[in-house]
Amino acid sequence: PLDLGLNVANLVKVDLCLGLDLTLPLGISIDTGNCPTHGPPDGCIDVWHPPHHVPMDGCDDNDNDEWHYVHPCDCKPEAPHTWTTSTVTQTQVKTLTSCAPTVTDCPA
């Protein structure tokens, strides 16, 4: 049998450079063209993930447009937004100073 080095914890660890077309959790797919060619650099951990522009997987490398190793941070995802409604009331006041002669009950 082929030893893929699977190590299932919170992540699946697989040697991606075996020429496999692997489907990752949450519908992310990767081919061998995107597999890492070296281990993680200093300051990064052995988690390989796609580009992102919001905190993801505890990684703060938000401006990287390529697949990369996770650069860990203590960052939290942005709080989800909430929608709310409010009522705005407008009052208009008019002062009458005179009425046409045909108005029988003039409030002026």
PDB file of N, CA and C in Angstrom:
ATOM      1  N   PRO A   1       0.821  -1.204   0.000  1.00  0.00           N
ATOM      2  CA  PRO A   1       0.000   0.000   0.000  1.00  0.00           C
ATOM      3  C   PRO A   1       0.857   1.257   0.000  1.00  0.00           C
ATOM      4  N   LEU A   2       0.295   2.323  -0.514  1.00  0.00           N
ATOM      5  CA  LEU A   2       0.978   3.609  -0.579  1.00  0.00           C
ATOM      6  C   LEU A   2       0.840   4.321   0.752  1.00  0.00           C
ATOM      7  N   ASP A   3       1.972   4.715   1.355  1.00  0.00           N
ATOM      8  CA  ASP A   3       1.942   5.425   2.633  1.00  0.00           C
ATOM      9  C   ASP A   3       1.799   6.914   2.354  1.00  0.00           C
ATOM     10  N   LEU A   4       0.638   7.466   2.668  1.00  0.00           N
ATOM     11  CA  LEU A   4       0.392   8.884   2.427  1.00  0.00           C
ATOM     12  C   LEU A   4       0.777   9.748   3.611  1.00  0.00           C
ATOM     13  N   GLY A   5       1.169   9.152   4.737  1.00  0.00           N
ATOM     14  CA  GLY A   5       1.533   9.950   5.897  1.00  0.00           C
ATOM     15  C   GLY A   5       0.349  10.695   6.473  1.00  0.00           C
ATOM     16  N   LEU A   6      -0.841  10.104   6.405  1.00  0.00           N
ATOM     17  CA  LEU A   6      -2.021  10.764   6.949  1.00  0.00           C
ATOM     18  C   LEU A   6      -1.939  10.851   8.455  1.00  0.00           C
ATOM     19  N   ASN A   7      -2.228  12.000   8.995  1.00  0.00           N
ATOM     20  CA  ASN A   7      -2.226  12.230  10.425  1.00  0.00           C
ATOM     21  C   ASN A   7      -3.459  13.076  10.709  1.00  0.00           C
ATOM     22  N   VAL A   8      -4.544  12.440  11.124  1.00  0.00           N
ATOM     23  CA  VAL A   8      -5.799  13.157  11.300  1.00  0.00           C
ATOM     24  C   VAL A   8      -5.906  13.650  12.736  1.00  0.00           C
ATOM     25  N   ALA A   9      -5.938  14.946  12.879  1.00  0.00           N
ATOM     26  CA  ALA A   9      -6.200  15.591  14.169  1.00  0.00           C
ATOM     27  C   ALA A   9      -7.261  16.621  13.838  1.00  0.00           C
ATOM     28  N   ASN A  10      -6.901  17.896  13.877  1.00  0.00           N
ATOM     29  CA  ASN A  10      -7.819  18.928  13.398  1.00  0.00           C
ATOM     30  C   ASN A  10      -7.630  19.158  11.906  1.00  0.00           C
ATOM     31  N   LEU A  11      -6.499  18.675  11.386  1.00  0.00           N
ATOM     32  CA  LEU A  11      -6.192  18.832   9.971  1.00  0.00           C
ATOM     33  C   LEU A  11      -5.782  17.479   9.419  1.00  0.00           C
ATOM     34  N   VAL A  12      -5.823  17.334   8.118  1.00  0.00           N
ATOM     35  CA  VAL A  12      -5.325  16.116   7.489  1.00  0.00           C
ATOM     36  C   VAL A  12      -3.953  16.437   6.929  1.00  0.00           C
ATOM     37  N   LYS A  13      -2.951  15.670   7.350  1.00  0.00           N
ATOM     38  CA  LYS A  13      -1.592  15.886   6.868  1.00  0.00           C
ATOM     39  C   LYS A  13      -1.318  14.876   5.768  1.00  0.00           C
ATOM     40  N   VAL A  14      -1.065  15.368   4.567  1.00  0.00           N
ATOM     41  CA  VAL A  14      -0.837  14.506   3.412  1.00  0.00           C
ATOM     42  C   VAL A  14       0.357  15.056   2.645  1.00  0.00           C
ATOM     43  N   ASP A  15       1.222  14.167   2.158  1.00  0.00           N
ATOM     44  CA  ASP A  15       2.298  14.606   1.276  1.00  0.00           C
ATOM     45  C   ASP A  15       1.674  14.915  -0.076  1.00  0.00           C
ATOM     46  N   LEU A  16       1.496  16.193  -0.382  1.00  0.00           N
ATOM     47  CA  LEU A  16       0.790  16.617  -1.592  1.00  0.00           C
ATOM     48  C   LEU A  16       1.628  16.465  -2.852  1.00  0.00           C
ATOM     49  N   CYS A  17       2.885  16.210  -2.710  1.00  0.00           N
ATOM     50  CA  CYS A  17       3.763  16.167  -3.881  1.00  0.00           C
ATOM     51  C   CYS A  17       3.875  14.774  -4.471  1.00  0.00           C
ATOM     52  N   LEU A  18       2.889  13.916  -4.250  1.00  0.00           N
ATOM     53  CA  LEU A  18       2.895  12.576  -4.828  1.00  0.00           C
ATOM     54  C   LEU A  18       2.171  12.528  -6.164  1.00  0.00           C
ATOM     55  N   GLY A  19       1.749  13.687  -6.677  1.00  0.00           N
ATOM     56  CA  GLY A  19       1.029  13.710  -7.940  1.00  0.00           C
ATOM     57  C   GLY A  19      -0.451  13.451  -7.767  1.00  0.00           C
ATOM     58  N   LEU A  20      -0.963  13.635  -6.559  1.00  0.00           N
ATOM     59  CA  LEU A  20      -2.379  13.406  -6.299  1.00  0.00           C
ATOM     60  C   LEU A  20      -3.173  14.674  -6.536  1.00  0.00           C
ATOM     61  N   ASP A  21      -4.382  14.523  -7.039  1.00  0.00           N
ATOM     62  CA  ASP A  21      -5.326  15.626  -7.078  1.00  0.00           C
ATOM     63  C   ASP A  21      -6.190  15.441  -5.850  1.00  0.00           C
ATOM     64  N   LEU A  22      -5.952  16.229  -4.831  1.00  0.00           N
ATOM     65  CA  LEU A  22      -6.545  16.023  -3.517  1.00  0.00           C
ATOM     66  C   LEU A  22      -7.649  17.034  -3.269  1.00  0.00           C
ATOM     67  N   THR A  23      -8.790  16.591  -2.791  1.00  0.00           N
ATOM     68  CA  THR A  23      -9.845  17.499  -2.375  1.00  0.00           C
ATOM     69  C   THR A  23      -9.743  17.676  -0.875  1.00  0.00           C
ATOM     70  N   LEU A  24      -9.589  18.897  -0.444  1.00  0.00           N
ATOM     71  CA  LEU A  24      -9.442  19.224   0.966  1.00  0.00           C
ATOM     72  C   LEU A  24     -10.798  19.553   1.569  1.00  0.00           C
ATOM     73  N   PRO A  25     -10.912  19.591   2.889  1.00  0.00           N
ATOM     74  CA  PRO A  25     -12.184  19.949   3.524  1.00  0.00           C
ATOM     75  C   PRO A  25     -12.709  21.291   3.025  1.00  0.00           C
ATOM     76  N   LEU A  26     -13.998  21.482   3.122  1.00  0.00           N
ATOM     77  CA  LEU A  26     -14.716  22.692   2.735  1.00  0.00           C
ATOM     78  C   LEU A  26     -14.643  22.975   1.238  1.00  0.00           C
ATOM     79  N   GLY A  27     -14.435  21.927   0.427  1.00  0.00           N
ATOM     80  CA  GLY A  27     -14.463  22.092  -1.015  1.00  0.00           C
ATOM     81  C   GLY A  27     -13.229  22.727  -1.621  1.00  0.00           C
ATOM     82  N   ILE A  28     -12.154  22.895  -0.869  1.00  0.00           N
ATOM     83  CA  ILE A  28     -10.918  23.444  -1.410  1.00  0.00           C
ATOM     84  C   ILE A  28     -10.205  22.338  -2.165  1.00  0.00           C
ATOM     85  N   SER A  29      -9.767  22.613  -3.379  1.00  0.00           N
ATOM     86  CA  SER A  29      -9.026  21.596  -4.129  1.00  0.00           C
ATOM     87  C   SER A  29      -7.632  22.123  -4.441  1.00  0.00           C
ATOM     88  N   ILE A  30      -6.703  21.201  -4.622  1.00  0.00           N
ATOM     89  CA  ILE A  30      -5.318  21.566  -4.905  1.00  0.00           C
ATOM     90  C   ILE A  30      -4.761  20.541  -5.876  1.00  0.00           C
ATOM     91  N   ASP A  31      -3.910  20.985  -6.787  1.00  0.00           N
ATOM     92  CA  ASP A  31      -3.201  20.035  -7.634  1.00  0.00           C
ATOM     93  C   ASP A  31      -1.715  20.152  -7.329  1.00  0.00           C
ATOM     94  N   THR A  32      -0.924  19.316  -7.938  1.00  0.00           N
ATOM     95  CA  THR A  32       0.501  19.286  -7.597  1.00  0.00           C
ATOM     96  C   THR A  32       1.209  20.585  -7.943  1.00  0.00           C
ATOM     97  N   GLY A  33       0.656  21.404  -8.814  1.00  0.00           N
ATOM     98  CA  GLY A  33       1.269  22.692  -9.132  1.00  0.00           C
ATOM     99  C   GLY A  33       1.246  23.652  -7.961  1.00  0.00           C
ATOM    100  N   ASN A  34       0.367  23.415  -6.998  1.00  0.00           N
ATOM    101  CA  ASN A  34       0.270  24.285  -5.831  1.00  0.00           C
ATOM    102  C   ASN A  34       0.889  23.684  -4.581  1.00  0.00           C
ATOM    103  N   CYS A  35       1.507  22.512  -4.698  1.00  0.00           N
ATOM    104  CA  CYS A  35       2.062  21.886  -3.501  1.00  0.00           C
ATOM    105  C   CYS A  35       3.343  22.599  -3.080  1.00  0.00           C
ATOM    106  N   PRO A  36       3.655  22.570  -1.795  1.00  0.00           N
ATOM    107  CA  PRO A  36       4.876  23.237  -1.325  1.00  0.00           C
ATOM    108  C   PRO A  36       6.114  22.512  -1.842  1.00  0.00           C
ATOM    109  N   THR A  37       7.157  23.262  -2.094  1.00  0.00           N
ATOM    110  CA  THR A  37       8.412  22.672  -2.564  1.00  0.00           C
ATOM    111  C   THR A  37       9.450  22.621  -1.457  1.00  0.00           C
ATOM    112  N   HIS A  38       9.108  23.133  -0.286  1.00  0.00           N
ATOM    113  CA  HIS A  38      10.023  23.160   0.851  1.00  0.00           C
ATOM    114  C   HIS A  38       9.201  23.192   2.127  1.00  0.00           C
ATOM    115  N   GLY A  39       9.853  22.997   3.241  1.00  0.00           N
ATOM    116  CA  GLY A  39       9.167  23.054   4.527  1.00  0.00           C
ATOM    117  C   GLY A  39       8.813  24.482   4.893  1.00  0.00           C
ATOM    118  N   PRO A  40       8.086  24.654   5.995  1.00  0.00           N
ATOM    119  CA  PRO A  40       7.678  25.999   6.399  1.00  0.00           C
ATOM    120  C   PRO A  40       8.878  26.856   6.792  1.00  0.00           C
ATOM    121  N   PRO A  41       8.878  28.133   6.420  1.00  0.00           N
ATOM    122  CA  PRO A  41       9.956  29.028   6.829  1.00  0.00           C
ATOM    123  C   PRO A  41       9.838  29.371   8.313  1.00  0.00           C
ATOM    124  N   ASP A  42      10.867  29.985   8.857  1.00  0.00           N
ATOM    125  CA  ASP A  42      10.835  30.410  10.258  1.00  0.00           C
ATOM    126  C   ASP A  42       9.603  31.266  10.516  1.00  0.00           C
ATOM    127  N   GLY A  43       8.953  31.033  11.624  1.00  0.00           N
ATOM    128  CA  GLY A  43       7.774  31.799  12.004  1.00  0.00           C
ATOM    129  C   GLY A  43       6.475  31.235  11.469  1.00  0.00           C
ATOM    130  N   CYS A  44       6.539  30.184  10.648  1.00  0.00           N
ATOM    131  CA  CYS A  44       5.335  29.568  10.096  1.00  0.00           C
ATOM    132  C   CYS A  44       5.211  28.138  10.608  1.00  0.00           C
ATOM    133  N   ILE A  45       4.000  27.596  10.515  1.00  0.00           N
ATOM    134  CA  ILE A  45       3.765  26.219  10.944  1.00  0.00           C
ATOM    135  C   ILE A  45       3.460  25.353   9.725  1.00  0.00           C
ATOM    136  N   ASP A  46       3.463  24.051   9.912  1.00  0.00           N
ATOM    137  CA  ASP A  46       3.310  23.100   8.817  1.00  0.00           C
ATOM    138  C   ASP A  46       1.843  22.911   8.424  1.00  0.00           C
ATOM    139  N   VAL A  47       1.184  24.021   8.091  1.00  0.00           N
ATOM    140  CA  VAL A  47      -0.190  23.999   7.575  1.00  0.00           C
ATOM    141  C   VAL A  47      -0.169  24.802   6.283  1.00  0.00           C
ATOM    142  N   TRP A  48      -0.502  24.167   5.188  1.00  0.00           N
ATOM    143  CA  TRP A  48      -0.470  24.757   3.843  1.00  0.00           C
ATOM    144  C   TRP A  48      -1.889  25.119   3.454  1.00  0.00           C
ATOM    145  N   HIS A  49      -2.137  26.380   3.128  1.00  0.00           N
ATOM    146  CA  HIS A  49      -3.514  26.756   2.786  1.00  0.00           C
ATOM    147  C   HIS A  49      -3.546  27.826   1.699  1.00  0.00           C
ATOM    148  N   PRO A  50      -4.737  28.066   1.129  1.00  0.00           N
ATOM    149  CA  PRO A  50      -4.864  28.963  -0.023  1.00  0.00           C
ATOM    150  C   PRO A  50      -4.790  30.433   0.378  1.00  0.00           C
ATOM    151  N   PRO A  51      -4.684  31.318  -0.626  1.00  0.00           N
ATOM    152  CA  PRO A  51      -4.687  32.748  -0.343  1.00  0.00           C
ATOM    153  C   PRO A  51      -5.993  33.166   0.327  1.00  0.00           C
ATOM    154  N   HIS A  52      -5.904  34.171   1.144  1.00  0.00           N
ATOM    155  CA  HIS A  52      -7.081  34.694   1.851  1.00  0.00           C
ATOM    156  C   HIS A  52      -6.834  36.164   2.149  1.00  0.00           C
ATOM    157  N   HIS A  53      -7.882  36.911   2.332  1.00  0.00           N
ATOM    158  CA  HIS A  53      -7.731  38.337   2.614  1.00  0.00           C
ATOM    159  C   HIS A  53      -8.446  38.731   3.895  1.00  0.00           C
ATOM    160  N   VAL A  54      -8.777  37.742   4.687  1.00  0.00           N
ATOM    161  CA  VAL A  54      -9.316  37.929   6.036  1.00  0.00           C
ATOM    162  C   VAL A  54      -8.632  36.892   6.912  1.00  0.00           C
ATOM    163  N   PRO A  55      -8.576  37.089   8.224  1.00  0.00           N
ATOM    164  CA  PRO A  55      -7.957  36.070   9.082  1.00  0.00           C
ATOM    165  C   PRO A  55      -8.582  34.698   8.843  1.00  0.00           C
ATOM    166  N   MET A  56      -7.724  33.684   8.654  1.00  0.00           N
ATOM    167  CA  MET A  56      -8.193  32.334   8.361  1.00  0.00           C
ATOM    168  C   MET A  56      -7.203  31.343   8.951  1.00  0.00           C
ATOM    169  N   ASP A  57      -7.686  30.298   9.577  1.00  0.00           N
ATOM    170  CA  ASP A  57      -6.834  29.261  10.160  1.00  0.00           C
ATOM    171  C   ASP A  57      -5.821  29.834  11.139  1.00  0.00           C
ATOM    172  N   GLY A  58      -6.125  30.965  11.770  1.00  0.00           N
ATOM    173  CA  GLY A  58      -5.183  31.575  12.702  1.00  0.00           C
ATOM    174  C   GLY A  58      -3.970  32.161  12.004  1.00  0.00           C
ATOM    175  N   CYS A  59      -4.108  32.540  10.738  1.00  0.00           N
ATOM    176  CA  CYS A  59      -3.000  33.063   9.933  1.00  0.00           C
ATOM    177  C   CYS A  59      -3.223  34.546   9.657  1.00  0.00           C
ATOM    178  N   ASP A  60      -2.147  35.335   9.810  1.00  0.00           N
ATOM    179  CA  ASP A  60      -2.268  36.767   9.550  1.00  0.00           C
ATOM    180  C   ASP A  60      -1.596  37.194   8.242  1.00  0.00           C
ATOM    181  N   ASP A  61      -1.273  36.240   7.369  1.00  0.00           N
ATOM    182  CA  ASP A  61      -0.654  36.559   6.082  1.00  0.00           C
ATOM    183  C   ASP A  61      -1.756  36.861   5.065  1.00  0.00           C
ATOM    184  N   ASN A  62      -2.545  37.895   5.348  1.00  0.00           N
ATOM    185  CA  ASN A  62      -3.748  38.195   4.572  1.00  0.00           C
ATOM    186  C   ASN A  62      -3.476  38.763   3.185  1.00  0.00           C
ATOM    187  N   ASP A  63      -2.284  39.287   2.945  1.00  0.00           N
ATOM    188  CA  ASP A  63      -2.000  39.921   1.659  1.00  0.00           C
ATOM    189  C   ASP A  63      -1.288  39.000   0.679  1.00  0.00           C
ATOM    190  N   ASN A  64      -1.035  37.758   1.068  1.00  0.00           N
ATOM    191  CA  ASN A  64      -0.352  36.811   0.194  1.00  0.00           C
ATOM    192  C   ASN A  64      -1.356  36.266  -0.818  1.00  0.00           C
ATOM    193  N   ASP A  65      -1.071  36.414  -2.094  1.00  0.00           N
ATOM    194  CA  ASP A  65      -1.990  35.966  -3.144  1.00  0.00           C
ATOM    195  C   ASP A  65      -1.686  34.558  -3.641  1.00  0.00           C
ATOM    196  N   GLU A  66      -0.773  33.853  -2.987  1.00  0.00           N
ATOM    197  CA  GLU A  66      -0.396  32.492  -3.364  1.00  0.00           C
ATOM    198  C   GLU A  66      -0.704  31.541  -2.210  1.00  0.00           C
ATOM    199  N   TRP A  67      -0.732  30.232  -2.504  1.00  0.00           N
ATOM    200  CA  TRP A  67      -0.809  29.243  -1.431  1.00  0.00           C
ATOM    201  C   TRP A  67       0.408  29.450  -0.543  1.00  0.00           C
ATOM    202  N   HIS A  68       0.254  29.274   0.760  1.00  0.00           N
ATOM    203  CA  HIS A  68       1.366  29.529   1.673  1.00  0.00           C
ATOM    204  C   HIS A  68       1.189  28.774   2.986  1.00  0.00           C
ATOM    205  N   TYR A  69       2.287  28.711   3.751  1.00  0.00           N
ATOM    206  CA  TYR A  69       2.218  28.137   5.089  1.00  0.00           C
ATOM    207  C   TYR A  69       1.579  29.148   6.029  1.00  0.00           C
ATOM    208  N   VAL A  70       0.901  28.655   7.043  1.00  0.00           N
ATOM    209  CA  VAL A  70       0.249  29.519   8.026  1.00  0.00           C
ATOM    210  C   VAL A  70       1.301  30.258   8.844  1.00  0.00           C
ATOM    211  N   HIS A  71       1.174  31.575   8.889  1.00  0.00           N
ATOM    212  CA  HIS A  71       1.965  32.404   9.797  1.00  0.00           C
ATOM    213  C   HIS A  71       1.046  32.670  10.986  1.00  0.00           C
ATOM    214  N   PRO A  72       1.261  31.944  12.106  1.00  0.00           N
ATOM    215  CA  PRO A  72       0.295  31.993  13.201  1.00  0.00           C
ATOM    216  C   PRO A  72       0.204  33.361  13.864  1.00  0.00           C
ATOM    217  N   CYS A  73      -0.979  33.650  14.325  1.00  0.00           N
ATOM    218  CA  CYS A  73      -1.226  34.892  15.050  1.00  0.00           C
ATOM    219  C   CYS A  73      -2.311  34.630  16.085  1.00  0.00           C
ATOM    220  N   ASP A  74      -2.492  35.570  16.944  1.00  0.00           N
ATOM    221  CA  ASP A  74      -3.576  35.491  17.919  1.00  0.00           C
ATOM    222  C   ASP A  74      -4.740  36.341  17.413  1.00  0.00           C
ATOM    223  N   CYS A  75      -4.905  36.364  16.086  1.00  0.00           N
ATOM    224  CA  CYS A  75      -5.927  37.213  15.485  1.00  0.00           C
ATOM    225  C   CYS A  75      -7.283  36.519  15.517  1.00  0.00           C
ATOM    226  N   LYS A  76      -8.274  37.288  15.665  1.00  0.00           N
ATOM    227  CA  LYS A  76      -9.646  36.789  15.684  1.00  0.00           C
ATOM    228  C   LYS A  76     -10.326  37.250  14.400  1.00  0.00           C
ATOM    229  N   PRO A  77     -11.200  36.427  13.839  1.00  0.00           N
ATOM    230  CA  PRO A  77     -11.948  36.892  12.665  1.00  0.00           C
ATOM    231  C   PRO A  77     -12.761  38.134  13.024  1.00  0.00           C
ATOM    232  N   GLU A  78     -12.993  38.953  12.024  1.00  0.00           N
ATOM    233  CA  GLU A  78     -13.813  40.136  12.259  1.00  0.00           C
ATOM    234  C   GLU A  78     -15.189  39.713  12.753  1.00  0.00           C
ATOM    235  N   ALA A  79     -15.715  40.486  13.677  1.00  0.00           N
ATOM    236  CA  ALA A  79     -17.040  40.168  14.213  1.00  0.00           C
ATOM    237  C   ALA A  79     -18.063  40.229  13.086  1.00  0.00           C
ATOM    238  N   PRO A  80     -18.993  39.305  13.067  1.00  0.00           N
ATOM    239  CA  PRO A  80     -20.009  39.361  12.014  1.00  0.00           C
ATOM    240  C   PRO A  80     -20.857  40.619  12.169  1.00  0.00           C
ATOM    241  N   HIS A  81     -21.252  41.166  11.051  1.00  0.00           N
ATOM    242  CA  HIS A  81     -22.082  42.365  11.117  1.00  0.00           C
ATOM    243  C   HIS A  81     -23.522  41.986  11.441  1.00  0.00           C
ATOM    244  N   THR A  82     -24.239  42.927  11.942  1.00  0.00           N
ATOM    245  CA  THR A  82     -25.660  42.716  12.211  1.00  0.00           C
ATOM    246  C   THR A  82     -26.437  43.855  11.564  1.00  0.00           C
ATOM    247  N   TRP A  83     -27.633  43.539  11.169  1.00  0.00           N
ATOM    248  CA  TRP A  83     -28.512  44.535  10.574  1.00  0.00           C
ATOM    249  C   TRP A  83     -29.530  44.959  11.620  1.00  0.00           C
ATOM    250  N   THR A  84     -29.923  46.196  11.562  1.00  0.00           N
ATOM    251  CA  THR A  84     -30.931  46.694  12.485  1.00  0.00           C
ATOM    252  C   THR A  84     -31.827  47.676  11.736  1.00  0.00           C
ATOM    253  N   THR A  85     -32.957  47.969  12.310  1.00  0.00           N
ATOM    254  CA  THR A  85     -33.853  48.959  11.718  1.00  0.00           C
ATOM    255  C   THR A  85     -34.084  50.067  12.728  1.00  0.00           C
ATOM    256  N   SER A  86     -34.427  51.217  12.230  1.00  0.00           N
ATOM    257  CA  SER A  86     -34.778  52.329  13.105  1.00  0.00           C
ATOM    258  C   SER A  86     -35.870  53.137  12.408  1.00  0.00           C
ATOM    259  N   THR A  87     -36.582  53.885  13.190  1.00  0.00           N
ATOM    260  CA  THR A  87     -37.664  54.711  12.662  1.00  0.00           C
ATOM    261  C   THR A  87     -37.267  56.174  12.788  1.00  0.00           C
ATOM    262  N   VAL A  88     -37.389  56.900  11.704  1.00  0.00           N
ATOM    263  CA  VAL A  88     -37.098  58.327  11.704  1.00  0.00           C
ATOM    264  C   VAL A  88     -38.425  59.044  11.507  1.00  0.00           C
ATOM    265  N   THR A  89     -38.693  59.989  12.375  1.00  0.00           N
ATOM    266  CA  THR A  89     -39.937  60.754  12.283  1.00  0.00           C
ATOM    267  C   THR A  89     -39.596  62.205  11.984  1.00  0.00           C
ATOM    268  N   GLN A  90     -40.301  62.788  11.043  1.00  0.00           N
ATOM    269  CA  GLN A  90     -40.085  64.185  10.698  1.00  0.00           C
ATOM    270  C   GLN A  90     -41.390  64.929  10.937  1.00  0.00           C
ATOM    271  N   THR A  91     -41.287  66.063  11.575  1.00  0.00           N
ATOM    272  CA  THR A  91     -42.464  66.898  11.827  1.00  0.00           C
ATOM    273  C   THR A  91     -42.294  68.199  11.063  1.00  0.00           C
ATOM    274  N   GLN A  92     -43.356  68.626  10.435  1.00  0.00           N
ATOM    275  CA  GLN A  92     -43.317  69.874   9.689  1.00  0.00           C
ATOM    276  C   GLN A  92     -44.346  70.827  10.300  1.00  0.00           C
ATOM    277  N   VAL A  93     -43.907  72.035  10.601  1.00  0.00           N
ATOM    278  CA  VAL A  93     -44.796  73.043  11.194  1.00  0.00           C
ATOM    279  C   VAL A  93     -44.947  74.190  10.204  1.00  0.00           C
ATOM    280  N   LYS A  94     -46.194  74.606   9.978  1.00  0.00           N
ATOM    281  CA  LYS A  94     -46.462  75.754   9.110  1.00  0.00           C
ATOM    282  C   LYS A  94     -47.281  76.760   9.907  1.00  0.00           C
ATOM    283  N   THR A  95     -46.947  78.006   9.752  1.00  0.00           N
ATOM    284  CA  THR A  95     -47.691  79.076  10.430  1.00  0.00           C
ATOM    285  C   THR A  95     -48.504  79.847   9.391  1.00  0.00           C
ATOM    286  N   LEU A  96     -49.789  79.922   9.626  1.00  0.00           N
ATOM    287  CA  LEU A  96     -50.671  80.661   8.714  1.00  0.00           C
ATOM    288  C   LEU A  96     -50.816  82.089   9.223  1.00  0.00           C
ATOM    289  N   THR A  97     -50.616  83.017   8.331  1.00  0.00           N
ATOM    290  CA  THR A  97     -50.780  84.428   8.714  1.00  0.00           C
ATOM    291  C   THR A  97     -52.025  85.058   8.113  1.00  0.00           C
ATOM    292  N   SER A  98     -52.548  84.415   7.086  1.00  0.00           N
ATOM    293  CA  SER A  98     -53.792  84.920   6.495  1.00  0.00           C
ATOM    294  C   SER A  98     -54.402  83.817   5.650  1.00  0.00           C
ATOM    295  N   CYS A  99     -55.656  84.006   5.304  1.00  0.00           N
ATOM    296  CA  CYS A  99     -56.362  83.031   4.482  1.00  0.00           C
ATOM    297  C   CYS A  99     -57.036  83.766   3.333  1.00  0.00           C
ATOM    298  N   ALA A 100     -57.336  82.999   2.303  1.00  0.00           N
ATOM    299  CA  ALA A 100     -58.074  83.574   1.178  1.00  0.00           C
ATOM    300  C   ALA A 100     -59.472  83.962   1.657  1.00  0.00           C
ATOM    301  N   PRO A 101     -60.074  84.954   1.042  1.00  0.00           N
ATOM    302  CA  PRO A 101     -61.406  85.395   1.466  1.00  0.00           C
ATOM    303  C   PRO A 101     -62.457  84.294   1.401  1.00  0.00           C
ATOM    304  N   THR A 102     -62.226  83.259   0.615  1.00  0.00           N
ATOM    305  CA  THR A 102     -63.211  82.192   0.493  1.00  0.00           C
ATOM    306  C   THR A 102     -63.135  81.179   1.631  1.00  0.00           C
ATOM    307  N   VAL A 103     -62.082  81.231   2.490  1.00  0.00           N
ATOM    308  CA  VAL A 103     -61.946  80.290   3.614  1.00  0.00           C
ATOM    309  C   VAL A 103     -62.824  80.823   4.740  1.00  0.00           C
ATOM    310  N   THR A 104     -63.808  80.012   5.158  1.00  0.00           N
ATOM    311  CA  THR A 104     -64.770  80.502   6.145  1.00  0.00           C
ATOM    312  C   THR A 104     -64.274  80.360   7.579  1.00  0.00           C
ATOM    313  N   ASP A 105     -63.437  79.385   7.878  1.00  0.00           N
ATOM    314  CA  ASP A 105     -62.978  79.179   9.260  1.00  0.00           C
ATOM    315  C   ASP A 105     -61.452  79.263   9.275  1.00  0.00           C
ATOM    316  N   CYS A 106     -60.886  80.438   9.050  1.00  0.00           N
ATOM    317  CA  CYS A 106     -59.444  80.639   8.930  1.00  0.00           C
ATOM    318  C   CYS A 106     -58.774  80.497  10.295  1.00  0.00           C
ATOM    319  N   PRO A 107     -57.762  79.620  10.440  1.00  0.00           N
ATOM    320  CA  PRO A 107     -57.078  79.447  11.724  1.00  0.00           C
ATOM    321  C   PRO A 107     -56.040  80.535  12.002  1.00  0.00           C
ATOM    322  N   ALA A 108     -55.807  81.459  11.107  1.00  0.00           N
ATOM    323  CA  ALA A 108     -54.773  82.482  11.302  1.00  0.00           C
ATOM    324  C   ALA A 108     -55.162  83.522  12.314  1.00  0.00           C
TER     325      ALA A 108
END
